[in-house]
């Protein structure tokens, strides 16, 4: 069961509460005893390495030539 912390105490001890959330705890922050927010850990993010698609993507000469041409006035207007 998550711990309920008053908002004043949460402001005072925010660093410690964040550390606890990072370790997997769920903390409910309450205003005047009424739950109003939940402090939970973020889902882990996957770190990507440079070149992780090496050998899986092929850029054809036609695509390279098309992507290097200047944008038309109409295409430029679409970006604005």
Protein backbone atom coordinates (compact mmCIF):
# COMPACT_ATOMS: atom_id res chain seq x y z
CA UNK A 1 0.00 0.00 0.00
CA UNK A 2 1.48 3.38 -0.98
CA UNK A 3 2.33 5.90 1.70
CA UNK A 4 0.24 9.09 1.79
CA UNK A 5 2.28 12.26 2.38
CA UNK A 6 0.87 15.73 3.04
CA UNK A 7 1.90 18.28 0.39
CA UNK A 8 3.80 20.40 2.95
CA UNK A 9 5.85 17.37 4.04
CA UNK A 10 6.34 16.42 0.38
CA UNK A 11 7.83 19.85 -0.38
CA UNK A 12 10.10 19.59 2.65
CA UNK A 13 11.31 16.06 1.84
CA UNK A 14 11.02 15.99 -1.95
CA UNK A 15 14.57 14.69 -2.54
CA UNK A 16 14.05 11.74 -0.21
CA UNK A 17 10.64 10.98 -1.69
CA UNK A 18 12.08 10.99 -5.22
CA UNK A 19 14.85 8.62 -4.10
CA UNK A 20 12.22 6.27 -2.67
CA UNK A 21 10.22 6.44 -5.91
CA UNK A 22 13.39 5.65 -7.89
CA UNK A 23 13.73 2.50 -5.77
CA UNK A 24 10.22 1.47 -6.83
CA UNK A 25 7.96 2.87 -4.10
CA UNK A 26 4.72 4.63 -4.90
CA UNK A 27 3.95 7.72 -2.83
CA UNK A 28 0.60 9.51 -2.81
CA UNK A 29 0.71 13.27 -2.22
CA UNK A 30 -2.37 14.66 -0.49
CA UNK A 31 -3.75 18.15 -0.06
CA UNK A 32 -5.68 18.51 3.20
CA UNK A 33 -5.81 14.73 3.49
CA UNK A 34 -7.30 14.26 0.02
CA UNK A 35 -5.04 12.35 -2.44
CA UNK A 36 -4.17 14.56 -5.39
CA UNK A 37 -0.96 13.23 -7.01
CA UNK A 38 1.08 10.07 -7.29
CA UNK A 39 4.89 9.91 -7.26
CA UNK A 40 6.08 6.78 -9.09
CA UNK A 41 9.30 5.70 -10.78
CA UNK A 42 9.65 6.27 -14.50
CA UNK A 43 9.80 3.25 -16.75
CA UNK A 44 13.41 2.51 -17.65
CA UNK A 45 14.49 3.99 -20.95
CA UNK A 46 16.47 2.00 -23.44
CA UNK A 47 19.80 3.56 -24.33
CA UNK A 48 20.54 3.48 -28.04
CA UNK A 49 24.03 3.16 -29.36
CA UNK A 50 25.25 5.00 -32.42
CA UNK A 51 24.96 2.72 -35.43
CA UNK A 52 22.35 0.40 -33.92
CA UNK A 53 20.71 0.05 -37.36
CA UNK A 54 23.98 -0.63 -39.19
CA UNK A 55 23.43 -3.17 -41.93
CA UNK A 56 19.64 -3.01 -41.58
CA UNK A 57 18.93 0.15 -43.59
CA UNK A 58 19.88 0.80 -47.17
CA UNK A 59 19.74 4.24 -48.75
CA UNK A 60 19.41 3.94 -52.49
CA UNK A 61 21.04 6.40 -54.84
CA UNK A 62 17.59 7.56 -56.05
CA UNK A 63 16.53 8.37 -52.48
CA UNK A 64 19.81 10.14 -51.73
CA UNK A 65 19.54 12.27 -54.87
CA UNK A 66 15.88 13.16 -54.13
CA UNK A 67 16.58 14.06 -50.51
CA UNK A 68 19.44 16.39 -51.43
CA UNK A 69 17.48 18.61 -53.83
CA UNK A 70 16.43 22.10 -52.65
CA UNK A 71 12.83 22.44 -51.45
CA UNK A 72 10.33 24.12 -53.76
CA UNK A 73 8.59 27.34 -52.71
CA UNK A 74 5.44 25.32 -51.99
CA UNK A 75 7.35 22.84 -49.79
CA UNK A 76 9.04 25.69 -47.91
CA UNK A 77 5.64 27.32 -47.32
CA UNK A 78 4.30 24.04 -45.92
CA UNK A 79 7.09 24.03 -43.29
CA UNK A 80 6.22 27.56 -42.16
